Amino acid sequence: MVITKIFRNGNSQAVRIPVELAFKNWEMELVIERHGDELCIRPAQQRMGNVLEKFARFSSDFMANGRGDNQEDEREAL
């Protein structure tokens, strides 16, 4: 656990994020959400990044047999 302090920046509160917890990219927007007395800070949008590179790592026979039988259970009528 890392302890830090809040400070005033103009009319806003700000928090100093220690280097060991800092985001790698400084050119990003963040979302701050309150959950009770906790604040959650995360990137505003998750970018797909190198998703094509990740797909290229699948073997050539990946899903060759399809998904198999995906029988859905019967549901009660609404």
PDB file of N, CA and C in Angstrom:
ATOM      1  N   MET A   1       0.844  -1.172   0.000  1.00  0.00           N
ATOM      2  CA  MET A   1       0.000   0.000   0.000  1.00  0.00           C
ATOM      3  C   MET A   1       0.886   1.231   0.000  1.00  0.00           C
ATOM      4  N   VAL A   2       0.481   2.210  -0.793  1.00  0.00           N
ATOM      5  CA  VAL A   2       1.209   3.470  -0.881  1.00  0.00           C
ATOM      6  C   VAL A   2       0.318   4.570  -0.322  1.00  0.00           C
ATOM      7  N   ILE A   3       0.881   5.440   0.497  1.00  0.00           N
ATOM      8  CA  ILE A   3       0.126   6.554   1.068  1.00  0.00           C
ATOM      9  C   ILE A   3       0.588   7.836   0.388  1.00  0.00           C
ATOM     10  N   THR A   4      -0.372   8.666  -0.009  1.00  0.00           N
ATOM     11  CA  THR A   4      -0.066   9.932  -0.654  1.00  0.00           C
ATOM     12  C   THR A   4      -0.979  10.997  -0.060  1.00  0.00           C
ATOM     13  N   LYS A   5      -0.883  12.212  -0.538  1.00  0.00           N
ATOM     14  CA  LYS A   5      -1.689  13.304  -0.006  1.00  0.00           C
ATOM     15  C   LYS A   5      -2.448  13.990  -1.125  1.00  0.00           C
ATOM     16  N   ILE A   6      -3.569  14.609  -0.745  1.00  0.00           N
ATOM     17  CA  ILE A   6      -4.275  15.457  -1.687  1.00  0.00           C
ATOM     18  C   ILE A   6      -3.791  16.885  -1.498  1.00  0.00           C
ATOM     19  N   PHE A   7      -3.955  17.685  -2.546  1.00  0.00           N
ATOM     20  CA  PHE A   7      -3.572  19.095  -2.468  1.00  0.00           C
ATOM     21  C   PHE A   7      -4.529  19.899  -3.327  1.00  0.00           C
ATOM     22  N   ARG A   8      -4.485  21.191  -3.191  1.00  0.00           N
ATOM     23  CA  ARG A   8      -5.373  22.072  -3.946  1.00  0.00           C
ATOM     24  C   ARG A   8      -4.659  22.526  -5.214  1.00  0.00           C
ATOM     25  N   ASN A   9      -5.390  22.440  -6.331  1.00  0.00           N
ATOM     26  CA  ASN A   9      -4.892  22.914  -7.617  1.00  0.00           C
ATOM     27  C   ASN A   9      -5.984  23.817  -8.182  1.00  0.00           C
ATOM     28  N   GLY A  10      -5.847  25.116  -8.000  1.00  0.00           N
ATOM     29  CA  GLY A  10      -6.918  26.043  -8.358  1.00  0.00           C
ATOM     30  C   GLY A  10      -8.085  25.810  -7.413  1.00  0.00           C
ATOM     31  N   ASN A  11      -9.278  25.569  -7.964  1.00  0.00           N
ATOM     32  CA  ASN A  11     -10.452  25.288  -7.135  1.00  0.00           C
ATOM     33  C   ASN A  11     -10.710  23.795  -6.992  1.00  0.00           C
ATOM     34  N   SER A  12      -9.806  22.965  -7.459  1.00  0.00           N
ATOM     35  CA  SER A  12      -9.990  21.511  -7.429  1.00  0.00           C
ATOM     36  C   SER A  12      -9.045  20.854  -6.442  1.00  0.00           C
ATOM     37  N   GLN A  13      -9.437  19.678  -6.007  1.00  0.00           N
ATOM     38  CA  GLN A  13      -8.511  18.832  -5.250  1.00  0.00           C
ATOM     39  C   GLN A  13      -7.739  18.005  -6.253  1.00  0.00           C
ATOM     40  N   ALA A  14      -6.513  17.706  -5.941  1.00  0.00           N
ATOM     41  CA  ALA A  14      -5.683  16.870  -6.795  1.00  0.00           C
ATOM     42  C   ALA A  14      -4.988  15.844  -5.918  1.00  0.00           C
ATOM     43  N   VAL A  15      -4.583  14.755  -6.522  1.00  0.00           N
ATOM     44  CA  VAL A  15      -3.863  13.728  -5.781  1.00  0.00           C
ATOM     45  C   VAL A  15      -2.561  13.436  -6.510  1.00  0.00           C
ATOM     46  N   ARG A  16      -1.520  13.304  -5.766  1.00  0.00           N
ATOM     47  CA  ARG A  16      -0.211  12.990  -6.326  1.00  0.00           C
ATOM     48  C   ARG A  16      -0.131  11.474  -6.456  1.00  0.00           C
ATOM     49  N   ILE A  17       0.076  10.970  -7.682  1.00  0.00           N
ATOM     50  CA  ILE A  17       0.194   9.531  -7.908  1.00  0.00           C
ATOM     51  C   ILE A  17       1.674   9.180  -7.889  1.00  0.00           C
ATOM     52  N   PRO A  18       2.101   8.363  -6.926  1.00  0.00           N
ATOM     53  CA  PRO A  18       3.520   7.998  -6.836  1.00  0.00           C
ATOM     54  C   PRO A  18       3.996   7.280  -8.094  1.00  0.00           C
ATOM     55  N   VAL A  19       5.266   7.402  -8.395  1.00  0.00           N
ATOM     56  CA  VAL A  19       5.844   6.870  -9.628  1.00  0.00           C
ATOM     57  C   VAL A  19       5.594   5.371  -9.784  1.00  0.00           C
ATOM     58  N   GLU A  20       5.600   4.617  -8.694  1.00  0.00           N
ATOM     59  CA  GLU A  20       5.407   3.169  -8.810  1.00  0.00           C
ATOM     60  C   GLU A  20       3.970   2.796  -9.189  1.00  0.00           C
ATOM     61  N   LEU A  21       3.035   3.741  -9.086  1.00  0.00           N
ATOM     62  CA  LEU A  21       1.645   3.497  -9.476  1.00  0.00           C
ATOM     63  C   LEU A  21       1.230   4.318 -10.694  1.00  0.00           C
ATOM     64  N   ALA A  22       2.143   5.089 -11.239  1.00  0.00           N
ATOM     65  CA  ALA A  22       1.810   6.012 -12.327  1.00  0.00           C
ATOM     66  C   ALA A  22       1.442   5.269 -13.603  1.00  0.00           C
ATOM     67  N   PHE A  23       0.534   5.865 -14.374  1.00  0.00           N
ATOM     68  CA  PHE A  23       0.203   5.354 -15.690  1.00  0.00           C
ATOM     69  C   PHE A  23       1.383   5.617 -16.619  1.00  0.00           C
ATOM     70  N   LYS A  24       1.604   4.725 -17.574  1.00  0.00           N
ATOM     71  CA  LYS A  24       2.736   4.879 -18.503  1.00  0.00           C
ATOM     72  C   LYS A  24       2.506   6.033 -19.470  1.00  0.00           C
ATOM     73  N   ASN A  25       1.260   6.220 -19.874  1.00  0.00           N
ATOM     74  CA  ASN A  25       0.917   7.233 -20.855  1.00  0.00           C
ATOM     75  C   ASN A  25       0.421   8.493 -20.151  1.00  0.00           C
ATOM     76  N   TRP A  26       1.024   9.627 -20.447  1.00  0.00           N
ATOM     77  CA  TRP A  26       0.603  10.889 -19.850  1.00  0.00           C
ATOM     78  C   TRP A  26      -0.460  11.576 -20.689  1.00  0.00           C
ATOM     79  N   GLU A  27      -0.697  11.099 -21.910  1.00  0.00           N
ATOM     80  CA  GLU A  27      -1.625  11.715 -22.846  1.00  0.00           C
ATOM     81  C   GLU A  27      -2.969  10.998 -22.826  1.00  0.00           C
ATOM     82  N   MET A  28      -3.495  10.710 -21.662  1.00  0.00           N
ATOM     83  CA  MET A  28      -4.748   9.969 -21.580  1.00  0.00           C
ATOM     84  C   MET A  28      -5.728  10.661 -20.657  1.00  0.00           C
ATOM     85  N   GLU A  29      -7.017  10.413 -20.921  1.00  0.00           N
ATOM     86  CA  GLU A  29      -8.049  10.905 -20.022  1.00  0.00           C
ATOM     87  C   GLU A  29      -8.375   9.803 -19.027  1.00  0.00           C
ATOM     88  N   LEU A  30      -8.734  10.201 -17.834  1.00  0.00           N
ATOM     89  CA  LEU A  30      -9.065   9.250 -16.786  1.00  0.00           C
ATOM     90  C   LEU A  30     -10.501   9.464 -16.327  1.00  0.00           C
ATOM     91  N   VAL A  31     -11.123   8.402 -15.861  1.00  0.00           N
ATOM     92  CA  VAL A  31     -12.446   8.451 -15.261  1.00  0.00           C
ATOM     93  C   VAL A  31     -12.258   8.266 -13.759  1.00  0.00           C
ATOM     94  N   ILE A  32     -12.909   9.097 -12.979  1.00  0.00           N
ATOM     95  CA  ILE A  32     -12.868   8.957 -11.521  1.00  0.00           C
ATOM     96  C   ILE A  32     -14.279   8.665 -11.055  1.00  0.00           C
ATOM     97  N   GLU A  33     -14.456   7.568 -10.332  1.00  0.00           N
ATOM     98  CA  GLU A  33     -15.769   7.191  -9.804  1.00  0.00           C
ATOM     99  C   GLU A  33     -15.678   7.048  -8.295  1.00  0.00           C
ATOM    100  N   ARG A  34     -16.738   7.435  -7.624  1.00  0.00           N
ATOM    101  CA  ARG A  34     -16.800   7.285  -6.177  1.00  0.00           C
ATOM    102  C   ARG A  34     -17.607   6.041  -5.851  1.00  0.00           C
ATOM    103  N   HIS A  35     -17.066   5.214  -4.982  1.00  0.00           N
ATOM    104  CA  HIS A  35     -17.752   4.034  -4.454  1.00  0.00           C
ATOM    105  C   HIS A  35     -17.684   4.147  -2.937  1.00  0.00           C
ATOM    106  N   GLY A  36     -18.746   4.713  -2.340  1.00  0.00           N
ATOM    107  CA  GLY A  36     -18.718   4.957  -0.903  1.00  0.00           C
ATOM    108  C   GLY A  36     -17.673   6.009  -0.584  1.00  0.00           C
ATOM    109  N   ASP A  37     -16.701   5.650   0.253  1.00  0.00           N
ATOM    110  CA  ASP A  37     -15.642   6.608   0.586  1.00  0.00           C
ATOM    111  C   ASP A  37     -14.362   6.340  -0.203  1.00  0.00           C
ATOM    112  N   GLU A  38     -14.445   5.509  -1.265  1.00  0.00           N
ATOM    113  CA  GLU A  38     -13.279   5.209  -2.098  1.00  0.00           C
ATOM    114  C   GLU A  38     -13.428   5.842  -3.474  1.00  0.00           C
ATOM    115  N   LEU A  39     -12.318   6.225  -4.067  1.00  0.00           N
ATOM    116  CA  LEU A  39     -12.298   6.731  -5.433  1.00  0.00           C
ATOM    117  C   LEU A  39     -11.589   5.713  -6.312  1.00  0.00           C
ATOM    118  N   CYS A  40     -12.141   5.466  -7.478  1.00  0.00           N
ATOM    119  CA  CYS A  40     -11.545   4.545  -8.441  1.00  0.00           C
ATOM    120  C   CYS A  40     -11.108   5.373  -9.647  1.00  0.00           C
ATOM    121  N   ILE A  41      -9.835   5.305 -10.010  1.00  0.00           N
ATOM    122  CA  ILE A  41      -9.299   6.057 -11.146  1.00  0.00           C
ATOM    123  C   ILE A  41      -8.870   5.046 -12.202  1.00  0.00           C
ATOM    124  N   ARG A  42      -9.388   5.211 -13.447  1.00  0.00           N
ATOM    125  CA  ARG A  42      -9.039   4.285 -14.523  1.00  0.00           C
ATOM    126  C   ARG A  42      -9.028   5.040 -15.841  1.00  0.00           C
ATOM    127  N   PRO A  43      -8.380   4.463 -16.864  1.00  0.00           N
ATOM    128  CA  PRO A  43      -8.392   5.110 -18.179  1.00  0.00           C
ATOM    129  C   PRO A  43      -9.827   5.288 -18.678  1.00  0.00           C
ATOM    130  N   ALA A  44     -10.097   6.382 -19.381  1.00  0.00           N
ATOM    131  CA  ALA A  44     -11.440   6.703 -19.842  1.00  0.00           C
ATOM    132  C   ALA A  44     -11.961   5.691 -20.844  1.00  0.00           C
ATOM    133  N   GLN A  45     -11.116   5.165 -21.689  1.00  0.00           N
ATOM    134  CA  GLN A  45     -11.566   4.154 -22.626  1.00  0.00           C
ATOM    135  C   GLN A  45     -10.437   3.165 -22.850  1.00  0.00           C
ATOM    136  N   GLN A  46     -10.832   1.922 -22.956  1.00  0.00           N
ATOM    137  CA  GLN A  46      -9.851   0.883 -23.217  1.00  0.00           C
ATOM    138  C   GLN A  46      -9.661   0.797 -24.723  1.00  0.00           C
ATOM    139  N   ARG A  47      -8.490   1.044 -25.173  1.00  0.00           N
ATOM    140  CA  ARG A  47      -8.211   0.973 -26.603  1.00  0.00           C
ATOM    141  C   ARG A  47      -7.899  -0.469 -26.983  1.00  0.00           C
ATOM    142  N   MET A  48      -8.144  -0.790 -28.225  1.00  0.00           N
ATOM    143  CA  MET A  48      -7.926  -2.161 -28.673  1.00  0.00           C
ATOM    144  C   MET A  48      -6.436  -2.464 -28.828  1.00  0.00           C
ATOM    145  N   GLY A  49      -5.634  -1.431 -28.922  1.00  0.00           N
ATOM    146  CA  GLY A  49      -4.188  -1.622 -28.960  1.00  0.00           C
ATOM    147  C   GLY A  49      -3.744  -2.586 -30.040  1.00  0.00           C
ATOM    148  N   ASN A  50      -3.018  -3.601 -29.636  1.00  0.00           N
ATOM    149  CA  ASN A  50      -2.456  -4.555 -30.590  1.00  0.00           C
ATOM    150  C   ASN A  50      -3.310  -5.810 -30.694  1.00  0.00           C
ATOM    151  N   VAL A  51      -4.629  -5.641 -30.802  1.00  0.00           N
ATOM    152  CA  VAL A  51      -5.530  -6.785 -30.846  1.00  0.00           C
ATOM    153  C   VAL A  51      -5.248  -7.676 -32.056  1.00  0.00           C
ATOM    154  N   LEU A  52      -4.894  -7.099 -33.190  1.00  0.00           N
ATOM    155  CA  LEU A  52      -4.607  -7.916 -34.375  1.00  0.00           C
ATOM    156  C   LEU A  52      -3.373  -8.782 -34.150  1.00  0.00           C
ATOM    157  N   GLU A  53      -2.401  -8.234 -33.455  1.00  0.00           N
ATOM    158  CA  GLU A  53      -1.201  -9.013 -33.119  1.00  0.00           C
ATOM    159  C   GLU A  53      -1.575 -10.190 -32.208  1.00  0.00           C
ATOM    160  N   LYS A  54      -2.470  -9.947 -31.279  1.00  0.00           N
ATOM    161  CA  LYS A  54      -2.908 -11.017 -30.374  1.00  0.00           C
ATOM    162  C   LYS A  54      -3.672 -12.094 -31.136  1.00  0.00           C
ATOM    163  N   PHE A  55      -4.532 -11.699 -32.080  1.00  0.00           N
ATOM    164  CA  PHE A  55      -5.251 -12.680 -32.888  1.00  0.00           C
ATOM    165  C   PHE A  55      -4.280 -13.509 -33.727  1.00  0.00           C
ATOM    166  N   ALA A  56      -3.212 -12.909 -34.204  1.00  0.00           N
ATOM    167  CA  ALA A  56      -2.245 -13.614 -35.048  1.00  0.00           C
ATOM    168  C   ALA A  56      -1.552 -14.736 -34.283  1.00  0.00           C
ATOM    169  N   ARG A  57      -1.557 -14.682 -32.962  1.00  0.00           N
ATOM    170  CA  ARG A  57      -0.912 -15.725 -32.150  1.00  0.00           C
ATOM    171  C   ARG A  57      -1.729 -17.006 -32.058  1.00  0.00           C
ATOM    172  N   PHE A  58      -3.009 -16.961 -32.430  1.00  0.00           N
ATOM    173  CA  PHE A  58      -3.821 -18.178 -32.406  1.00  0.00           C
ATOM    174  C   PHE A  58      -3.293 -19.166 -33.437  1.00  0.00           C
ATOM    175  N   SER A  59      -3.359 -20.432 -33.123  1.00  0.00           N
ATOM    176  CA  SER A  59      -2.908 -21.459 -34.069  1.00  0.00           C
ATOM    177  C   SER A  59      -3.850 -21.500 -35.270  1.00  0.00           C
ATOM    178  N   SER A  60      -3.360 -22.034 -36.385  1.00  0.00           N
ATOM    179  CA  SER A  60      -4.163 -22.064 -37.607  1.00  0.00           C
ATOM    180  C   SER A  60      -5.398 -22.954 -37.464  1.00  0.00           C
ATOM    181  N   ASP A  61      -5.365 -23.910 -36.531  1.00  0.00           N
ATOM    182  CA  ASP A  61      -6.518 -24.790 -36.353  1.00  0.00           C
ATOM    183  C   ASP A  61      -7.439 -24.345 -35.213  1.00  0.00           C
ATOM    184  N   PHE A  62      -7.222 -23.148 -34.706  1.00  0.00           N
ATOM    185  CA  PHE A  62      -8.069 -22.631 -33.640  1.00  0.00           C
ATOM    186  C   PHE A  62      -9.510 -22.560 -34.129  1.00  0.00           C
ATOM    187  N   MET A  63     -10.412 -23.132 -33.382  1.00  0.00           N
ATOM    188  CA  MET A  63     -11.843 -23.160 -33.689  1.00  0.00           C
ATOM    189  C   MET A  63     -12.144 -23.879 -35.003  1.00  0.00           C
ATOM    190  N   ALA A  64     -11.242 -24.780 -35.451  1.00  0.00           N
ATOM    191  CA  ALA A  64     -11.460 -25.515 -36.697  1.00  0.00           C
ATOM    192  C   ALA A  64     -12.738 -26.340 -36.632  1.00  0.00           C
ATOM    193  N   ASN A  65     -13.089 -26.811 -35.462  1.00  0.00           N
ATOM    194  CA  ASN A  65     -14.303 -27.606 -35.297  1.00  0.00           C
ATOM    195  C   ASN A  65     -15.482 -26.761 -34.850  1.00  0.00           C
ATOM    196  N   GLY A  66     -15.359 -25.469 -34.938  1.00  0.00           N
ATOM    197  CA  GLY A  66     -16.435 -24.580 -34.511  1.00  0.00           C
ATOM    198  C   GLY A  66     -16.523 -24.526 -32.997  1.00  0.00           C
ATOM    199  N   ARG A  67     -17.652 -24.124 -32.511  1.00  0.00           N
ATOM    200  CA  ARG A  67     -17.852 -23.995 -31.072  1.00  0.00           C
ATOM    201  C   ARG A  67     -18.433 -25.254 -30.456  1.00  0.00           C
ATOM    202  N   GLY A  68     -18.795 -26.212 -31.257  1.00  0.00           N
ATOM    203  CA  GLY A  68     -19.430 -27.398 -30.705  1.00  0.00           C
ATOM    204  C   GLY A  68     -20.910 -27.144 -30.512  1.00  0.00           C
ATOM    205  N   ASP A  69     -21.546 -28.050 -29.827  1.00  0.00           N
ATOM    206  CA  ASP A  69     -22.985 -27.920 -29.586  1.00  0.00           C
ATOM    207  C   ASP A  69     -23.238 -26.965 -28.432  1.00  0.00           C
ATOM    208  N   ASN A  70     -23.939 -25.930 -28.720  1.00  0.00           N
ATOM    209  CA  ASN A  70     -24.310 -24.956 -27.692  1.00  0.00           C
ATOM    210  C   ASN A  70     -25.819 -24.984 -27.512  1.00  0.00           C
ATOM    211  N   GLN A  71     -26.288 -26.022 -26.878  1.00  0.00           N
ATOM    212  CA  GLN A  71     -27.718 -26.143 -26.641  1.00  0.00           C
ATOM    213  C   GLN A  71     -28.124 -25.206 -25.509  1.00  0.00           C
ATOM    214  N   GLU A  72     -29.134 -24.413 -25.773  1.00  0.00           N
ATOM    215  CA  GLU A  72     -29.628 -23.516 -24.735  1.00  0.00           C
ATOM    216  C   GLU A  72     -30.721 -24.215 -23.942  1.00  0.00           C
ATOM    217  N   ASP A  73     -30.718 -23.994 -22.650  1.00  0.00           N
ATOM    218  CA  ASP A  73     -31.778 -24.526 -21.812  1.00  0.00           C
ATOM    219  C   ASP A  73     -33.086 -23.806 -22.106  1.00  0.00           C
ATOM    220  N   GLU A  74     -34.175 -24.501 -21.890  1.00  0.00           N
ATOM    221  CA  GLU A  74     -35.486 -23.889 -22.069  1.00  0.00           C
ATOM    222  C   GLU A  74     -35.718 -22.875 -20.955  1.00  0.00           C
ATOM    223  N   ARG A  75     -36.356 -21.785 -21.301  1.00  0.00           N
ATOM    224  CA  ARG A  75     -36.649 -20.753 -20.321  1.00  0.00           C
ATOM    225  C   ARG A  75     -38.136 -20.723 -20.020  1.00  0.00           C
ATOM    226  N   GLU A  76     -38.429 -20.203 -18.858  1.00  0.00           N
ATOM    227  CA  GLU A  76     -39.839 -20.014 -18.514  1.00  0.00           C
ATOM    228  C   GLU A  76     -40.384 -18.846 -19.336  1.00  0.00           C
ATOM    229  N   ALA A  77     -41.623 -18.955 -19.733  1.00  0.00           N
ATOM    230  CA  ALA A  77     -42.246 -17.869 -20.488  1.00  0.00           C
ATOM    231  C   ALA A  77     -42.428 -16.659 -19.577  1.00  0.00           C
ATOM    232  N   LEU A  78     -42.343 -15.488 -20.159  1.00  0.00           N
ATOM    233  CA  LEU A  78     -42.526 -14.258 -19.373  1.00  0.00           C
ATOM    234  C   LEU A  78     -43.972 -13.950 -19.131  1.00  0.00           C
TER     235      LEU A  78
END
